[in-house]
């Protein structure tokens, strides 16, 4: 969309009480986000979540307090987590700031308005030792078909390397250096690939997978479905694969629970040496690792907490 067309679209809603044209606003937002220096995944996320804010403008008009009013409306929604509310708020903030930067609105109406306060404690628990053992026993019991070998390789990268889902699907065969026992991973929000050391068991499983499934180049993990055969797996595909396994094993966890398990295991093993743990988990900040450490300390202290009320017999 050209600059003049964008100005015409925004002019209709600039600080007025009239209802806005949702179609034009949506087209404007798609164009704005596509021009930003962000990843494709983030662009799609913004483009999806901005619809909620655009519907709000469509109903309430566009005024000086529109962003704050949108935040208040989100605050009253009972069935959405604080984390999700913040994602909707951030999408709207990025959109509005970009409109202001381009001179399409006269003031930055997001200024001095904070996001929702979010607890640093984990809302969902990671897998525990018993659940991981069930997963490993299940994978080892499967017939060695290409599909099952792929599952075992994915589980190895999630469990023994703590890879994020996006990191798993981005892996190519050429990223694996078995001689040095290293994989080159492109992480969340990263443009370059960084080396990670592979556990010997991960190396063995990946070698078996590549050999038996005849994967020689390109994407490490590919679809085996009829609709997208040989296409690179998506994060949604990874979640579906893991979810199917969890349903068989009656495990009520998410795929990200593997990374929780990996991190918790290392924090315990290194006795709270978070700097060393960060070398393997690749957390940018030790603050997040401190959340894991605090949770471990509190869990270990629970018997003392229980003991404090032993004399109370209700």
Protein backbone atom coordinates (compact mmCIF):
# COMPACT_ATOMS: atom_id res chain seq x y z
CA UNK A 1 0.00 0.00 0.00
CA UNK A 2 1.46 3.42 -0.98
CA UNK A 3 1.93 6.23 1.56
CA UNK A 4 -0.99 8.28 0.21
CA UNK A 5 -3.33 5.28 0.41
CA UNK A 6 -2.23 4.63 3.99
CA UNK A 7 -2.88 8.27 4.93
CA UNK A 8 -6.37 8.06 3.47
CA UNK A 9 -7.10 4.91 5.46
CA UNK A 10 -5.98 6.39 8.75
CA UNK A 11 -7.62 9.78 8.18
CA UNK A 12 -11.09 8.26 8.59
CA UNK A 13 -10.36 7.10 12.12
CA UNK A 14 -8.05 9.82 13.44
CA UNK A 15 -9.37 10.86 16.84
CA UNK A 16 -13.03 10.67 15.92
CA UNK A 17 -16.10 9.02 17.36
CA UNK A 18 -17.18 7.52 14.08
CA UNK A 19 -16.95 3.84 13.38
CA UNK A 20 -13.90 2.78 11.38
CA UNK A 21 -13.71 0.68 8.24
CA UNK A 22 -12.35 -2.65 9.51
CA UNK A 23 -11.30 -3.88 6.06
CA UNK A 24 -9.14 -0.81 5.41
CA UNK A 25 -7.67 -0.96 8.90
CA UNK A 26 -6.80 -4.62 8.52
CA UNK A 27 -5.11 -3.96 5.18
CA UNK A 28 -3.18 -1.09 6.76
CA UNK A 29 -2.00 -3.20 9.70
CA UNK A 30 -0.88 -6.08 7.44
CA UNK A 31 1.21 -3.63 5.43
CA UNK A 32 2.67 -1.96 8.52
CA UNK A 33 3.77 -5.24 10.11
CA UNK A 34 5.19 -6.62 6.86
CA UNK A 35 7.53 -3.62 6.68
CA UNK A 36 9.02 -4.12 10.17
CA UNK A 37 12.45 -5.67 10.76
CA UNK A 38 11.10 -8.71 12.59
CA UNK A 39 10.94 -12.45 11.94
CA UNK A 40 8.24 -14.01 9.76
CA UNK A 41 6.81 -15.80 12.79
CA UNK A 42 6.52 -12.56 14.78
CA UNK A 43 4.98 -10.79 11.78
CA UNK A 44 2.27 -13.43 11.48
CA UNK A 45 1.65 -13.32 15.23
CA UNK A 46 1.18 -9.53 15.16
CA UNK A 47 -1.04 -9.72 12.08
CA UNK A 48 -3.25 -12.29 13.79
CA UNK A 49 -3.52 -10.56 17.19
CA UNK A 50 -4.04 -7.02 15.87
CA UNK A 51 -7.55 -7.97 14.74
CA UNK A 52 -8.81 -7.69 18.31
CA UNK A 53 -7.59 -4.07 18.55
CA UNK A 54 -8.96 -3.21 15.12
CA UNK A 55 -12.40 -4.53 16.09
CA UNK A 56 -12.18 -2.35 19.20
CA UNK A 57 -11.48 0.73 17.04
CA UNK A 58 -14.30 -0.28 14.71
CA UNK A 59 -16.75 -0.24 17.62
CA UNK A 60 -15.44 2.66 19.70
CA UNK A 61 -13.71 5.00 17.25
CA UNK A 62 -10.15 6.26 17.56
CA UNK A 63 -9.34 8.77 20.32
CA UNK A 64 -6.53 9.93 22.59
CA UNK A 65 -7.39 7.27 25.16
CA UNK A 66 -8.09 4.39 22.74
CA UNK A 67 -5.05 2.34 23.74
CA UNK A 68 -5.76 2.72 27.46
CA UNK A 69 -9.43 1.88 26.89
CA UNK A 70 -8.39 -1.24 24.97
CA UNK A 71 -6.18 -2.28 27.89
CA UNK A 72 -9.10 -1.84 30.31
CA UNK A 73 -11.35 -3.96 28.10
CA UNK A 74 -8.71 -6.72 28.00
CA UNK A 75 -8.40 -6.53 31.79
CA UNK A 76 -12.11 -7.39 32.14
CA UNK A 77 -11.91 -10.53 29.98
CA UNK A 78 -12.10 -13.49 32.40
CA UNK A 79 -11.03 -16.40 30.19
CA UNK A 80 -7.73 -15.04 28.82
CA UNK A 81 -4.42 -15.31 30.66
CA UNK A 82 -2.37 -12.24 31.54
CA UNK A 83 0.35 -13.45 29.17
CA UNK A 84 -2.12 -13.57 26.26
CA UNK A 85 -3.56 -10.15 27.17
CA UNK A 86 -0.05 -8.71 27.03
CA UNK A 87 0.46 -10.21 23.56
CA UNK A 88 -2.68 -8.46 22.28
CA UNK A 89 -1.55 -5.24 23.95
CA UNK A 90 1.95 -5.45 22.46
CA UNK A 91 0.56 -5.98 18.94
CA UNK A 92 -1.55 -2.84 19.30
CA UNK A 93 1.38 -0.89 20.76
CA UNK A 94 3.75 -1.82 17.93
CA UNK A 95 1.10 -0.87 15.36
CA UNK A 96 0.36 2.51 16.97
CA UNK A 97 4.01 3.41 17.49
CA UNK A 98 4.74 2.67 13.86
CA UNK A 99 1.79 4.86 12.76
CA UNK A 100 3.21 7.67 14.92
CA UNK A 101 6.76 7.14 13.60
CA UNK A 102 5.49 7.44 10.03
CA UNK A 103 3.57 10.61 10.88
CA UNK A 104 0.18 9.00 10.28
CA UNK A 105 -1.15 9.91 13.73
CA UNK A 106 -0.19 13.11 15.58
CA UNK A 107 0.77 11.68 18.98
CA UNK A 108 1.95 8.40 20.51
CA UNK A 109 -1.11 7.35 22.49
CA UNK A 110 0.75 4.36 24.00
CA UNK A 111 3.18 6.57 25.91
CA UNK A 112 3.39 5.92 29.70
CA UNK A 113 0.88 3.04 29.52
CA UNK A 114 2.34 -0.15 30.96
CA UNK A 115 1.50 -3.74 30.15
CA UNK A 116 -0.18 -6.09 32.58
CA UNK A 117 1.88 -7.20 35.58
CA UNK A 118 2.81 -10.83 35.11
CA UNK A 119 3.92 -13.36 37.70
CA UNK A 120 7.44 -14.65 37.07
CA UNK A 121 6.47 -18.06 38.37
CA UNK A 122 5.74 -20.79 35.85
CA UNK A 123 2.03 -21.39 35.30
CA UNK A 124 2.60 -24.85 33.88
CA UNK A 125 4.82 -27.56 35.24
CA UNK A 126 7.40 -29.28 33.10
CA UNK A 127 7.68 -33.02 32.76
CA UNK A 128 8.97 -34.86 35.81
CA UNK A 129 11.42 -37.77 35.94
CA UNK A 130 8.64 -40.38 36.01
CA UNK A 131 6.92 -38.90 32.94
CA UNK A 132 10.16 -38.63 30.98
CA UNK A 133 10.93 -42.25 31.83
CA UNK A 134 7.52 -43.24 30.41
CA UNK A 135 8.32 -41.32 27.22
CA UNK A 136 11.73 -42.99 26.85
CA UNK A 137 10.34 -46.48 27.48
CA UNK A 138 7.57 -45.81 24.95
CA UNK A 139 10.01 -44.62 22.25
CA UNK A 140 12.29 -47.61 22.84
CA UNK A 141 9.36 -50.02 22.52
CA UNK A 142 8.26 -48.77 19.10
CA UNK A 143 8.90 -50.69 15.89
CA UNK A 144 11.72 -48.98 13.98
CA UNK A 145 9.71 -47.38 11.19
CA UNK A 146 10.78 -44.04 9.64
CA UNK A 147 7.96 -42.27 11.50
CA UNK A 148 8.95 -43.78 14.85
CA UNK A 149 12.63 -43.05 14.27
CA UNK A 150 11.74 -39.44 13.57
CA UNK A 151 9.76 -39.30 16.83
CA UNK A 152 12.69 -40.71 18.80
CA UNK A 153 15.10 -38.18 17.25
CA UNK A 154 12.75 -35.29 18.08
CA UNK A 155 12.35 -36.53 21.67
CA UNK A 156 16.14 -36.76 22.01
CA UNK A 157 16.56 -33.12 20.96
CA UNK A 158 13.77 -31.98 23.30
CA UNK A 159 14.88 -34.03 26.30
CA UNK A 160 18.68 -34.20 26.11
CA UNK A 161 19.32 -30.84 24.44
CA UNK A 162 16.38 -28.75 25.67
CA UNK A 163 15.76 -27.33 22.20
CA UNK A 164 12.83 -25.04 21.59
CA UNK A 165 10.29 -26.22 19.02
CA UNK A 166 11.32 -23.51 16.53
CA UNK A 167 14.95 -24.65 16.88
CA UNK A 168 14.03 -28.26 16.15
CA UNK A 169 12.20 -27.48 12.91
CA UNK A 170 14.91 -25.09 11.69
CA UNK A 171 17.62 -27.75 11.85
CA UNK A 172 19.14 -28.91 8.57
CA UNK A 173 21.27 -31.98 8.01
CA UNK A 174 24.30 -29.77 7.31
CA UNK A 175 23.92 -28.23 10.79
CA UNK A 176 25.05 -31.49 12.40
CA UNK A 177 28.77 -32.03 13.00
CA UNK A 178 29.03 -35.49 14.50
CA UNK A 179 32.84 -35.45 14.51
CA UNK A 180 32.80 -32.52 16.93
CA UNK A 181 29.50 -33.64 18.52
CA UNK A 182 28.02 -30.24 17.78
CA UNK A 183 24.83 -28.91 16.18
CA UNK A 184 24.41 -25.38 14.86
CA UNK A 185 21.07 -24.03 16.06
CA UNK A 186 19.20 -20.89 15.05
CA UNK A 187 17.36 -19.88 18.17
CA UNK A 188 14.34 -17.77 18.95
CA UNK A 189 14.72 -14.30 17.40
CA UNK A 190 18.20 -15.14 16.09
CA UNK A 191 19.53 -14.58 12.57
CA UNK A 192 22.74 -16.57 13.02
CA UNK A 193 23.27 -20.15 14.13
CA UNK A 194 25.10 -20.93 17.35
CA UNK A 195 26.89 -24.18 18.24
CA UNK A 196 25.53 -26.45 20.95
CA UNK A 197 27.23 -29.56 22.27
CA UNK A 198 25.34 -32.78 21.61
CA UNK A 199 24.92 -35.48 24.21
CA UNK A 200 26.45 -38.81 23.05
CA UNK A 201 23.00 -40.43 23.13
CA UNK A 202 21.61 -37.65 20.93
CA UNK A 203 24.41 -38.27 18.40
CA UNK A 204 23.70 -42.01 18.32
CA UNK A 205 19.95 -41.51 17.81
CA UNK A 206 20.40 -38.85 15.12
CA UNK A 207 22.87 -41.05 13.23
CA UNK A 208 20.38 -43.94 13.30
CA UNK A 209 17.59 -41.64 12.14
CA UNK A 210 19.58 -40.23 9.21
CA UNK A 211 20.80 -43.66 8.09
CA UNK A 212 17.56 -45.63 8.39
CA UNK A 213 15.31 -42.85 7.06
CA UNK A 214 17.75 -41.99 4.25
CA UNK A 215 17.78 -38.28 5.09
CA UNK A 216 20.88 -36.87 3.37
CA UNK A 217 20.37 -33.12 3.02
CA UNK A 218 17.91 -30.27 3.50
CA UNK A 219 15.50 -30.13 6.43
CA UNK A 220 16.32 -32.58 9.20
CA UNK A 221 12.66 -33.31 9.95
CA UNK A 222 10.10 -33.57 7.18
CA UNK A 223 6.41 -34.26 6.92
CA UNK A 224 5.23 -37.76 6.06
CA UNK A 225 1.60 -36.79 5.45
CA UNK A 226 0.10 -37.00 1.98
CA UNK A 227 -0.78 -33.28 1.88
CA UNK A 228 2.72 -31.98 2.60
CA UNK A 229 5.03 -34.94 2.09
CA UNK A 230 8.73 -34.07 2.46
CA UNK A 231 8.00 -30.47 3.46
CA UNK A 232 9.80 -29.15 6.53
CA UNK A 233 7.88 -29.83 9.74
CA UNK A 234 6.26 -26.83 11.44
CA UNK A 235 6.07 -26.07 15.16
CA UNK A 236 2.41 -27.05 14.96
CA UNK A 237 3.45 -30.42 13.53
CA UNK A 238 5.89 -30.95 16.42
CA UNK A 239 3.16 -30.15 18.94
CA UNK A 240 0.73 -32.55 17.24
CA UNK A 241 3.32 -35.36 17.17
CA UNK A 242 4.16 -34.91 20.86
CA UNK A 243 0.52 -34.48 21.84
CA UNK A 244 -0.39 -37.79 20.19
CA UNK A 245 2.36 -39.52 22.17
CA UNK A 246 1.27 -37.85 25.42
CA UNK A 247 -2.33 -38.98 24.86
CA UNK A 248 -1.18 -42.59 24.52
CA UNK A 249 0.88 -42.26 27.73
CA UNK A 250 -1.82 -40.29 29.60
CA UNK A 251 0.59 -37.40 30.24
CA UNK A 252 -1.04 -34.00 30.70
CA UNK A 253 1.83 -31.71 29.64
CA UNK A 254 2.80 -29.44 26.74
CA UNK A 255 5.72 -29.88 24.35
CA UNK A 256 7.47 -26.97 26.07
CA UNK A 257 7.40 -29.12 29.21
CA UNK A 258 10.51 -30.88 27.87
CA UNK A 259 12.48 -27.63 28.05
CA UNK A 260 11.22 -27.08 31.61
CA UNK A 261 12.44 -30.57 32.47
CA UNK A 262 15.82 -30.01 30.80
CA UNK A 263 16.40 -26.71 32.61
CA UNK A 264 15.21 -27.95 36.01
CA UNK A 265 17.41 -31.03 35.70
CA UNK A 266 20.49 -28.90 35.05
CA UNK A 267 19.73 -26.37 37.82
CA UNK A 268 19.52 -29.27 40.29
CA UNK A 269 22.61 -31.03 38.93
CA UNK A 270 24.76 -27.89 39.02
CA UNK A 271 23.40 -26.98 42.48
CA UNK A 272 22.15 -23.54 41.50
CA UNK A 273 25.19 -22.49 39.40
CA UNK A 274 22.98 -20.57 36.98
CA UNK A 275 25.85 -19.18 34.92
CA UNK A 276 26.95 -22.71 34.02
CA UNK A 277 23.36 -23.81 33.38
CA UNK A 278 22.84 -20.86 31.00
CA UNK A 279 25.66 -22.20 28.80
CA UNK A 280 23.45 -25.19 27.97
CA UNK A 281 19.96 -23.68 28.13
CA UNK A 282 21.04 -20.52 26.25
CA UNK A 283 18.81 -18.24 28.33
CA UNK A 284 19.73 -14.62 27.58
CA UNK A 285 19.06 -13.56 31.15
CA UNK A 286 19.80 -15.32 34.44
CA UNK A 287 16.55 -13.87 35.76
CA UNK A 288 14.49 -16.60 34.11
CA UNK A 289 16.83 -19.30 35.43
CA UNK A 290 16.41 -17.81 38.89
CA UNK A 291 12.68 -18.56 38.58
CA UNK A 292 13.59 -22.24 38.12
CA UNK A 293 16.00 -22.12 41.05
CA UNK A 294 13.44 -20.45 43.34
CA UNK A 295 10.83 -23.09 42.42
CA UNK A 296 13.26 -25.90 43.23
CA UNK A 297 14.23 -24.35 46.58
CA UNK A 298 10.60 -23.81 47.55
CA UNK A 299 9.61 -27.34 46.56
CA UNK A 300 12.46 -28.81 48.60
CA UNK A 301 11.39 -26.70 51.58
CA UNK A 302 7.74 -27.83 51.51
CA UNK A 303 8.23 -30.41 54.33
CA UNK A 304 9.30 -27.55 56.62
CA UNK A 305 6.23 -25.58 55.62
CA UNK A 306 3.98 -28.55 56.39
CA UNK A 307 5.73 -29.14 59.71
CA UNK A 308 5.00 -25.58 60.84
CA UNK A 309 1.30 -26.47 61.12
CA UNK A 310 1.56 -30.02 62.47
CA UNK A 311 -0.27 -29.13 65.69
CA UNK A 312 -3.35 -27.92 63.83
CA UNK A 313 -5.80 -30.82 63.41
CA UNK A 314 -8.81 -29.76 61.36
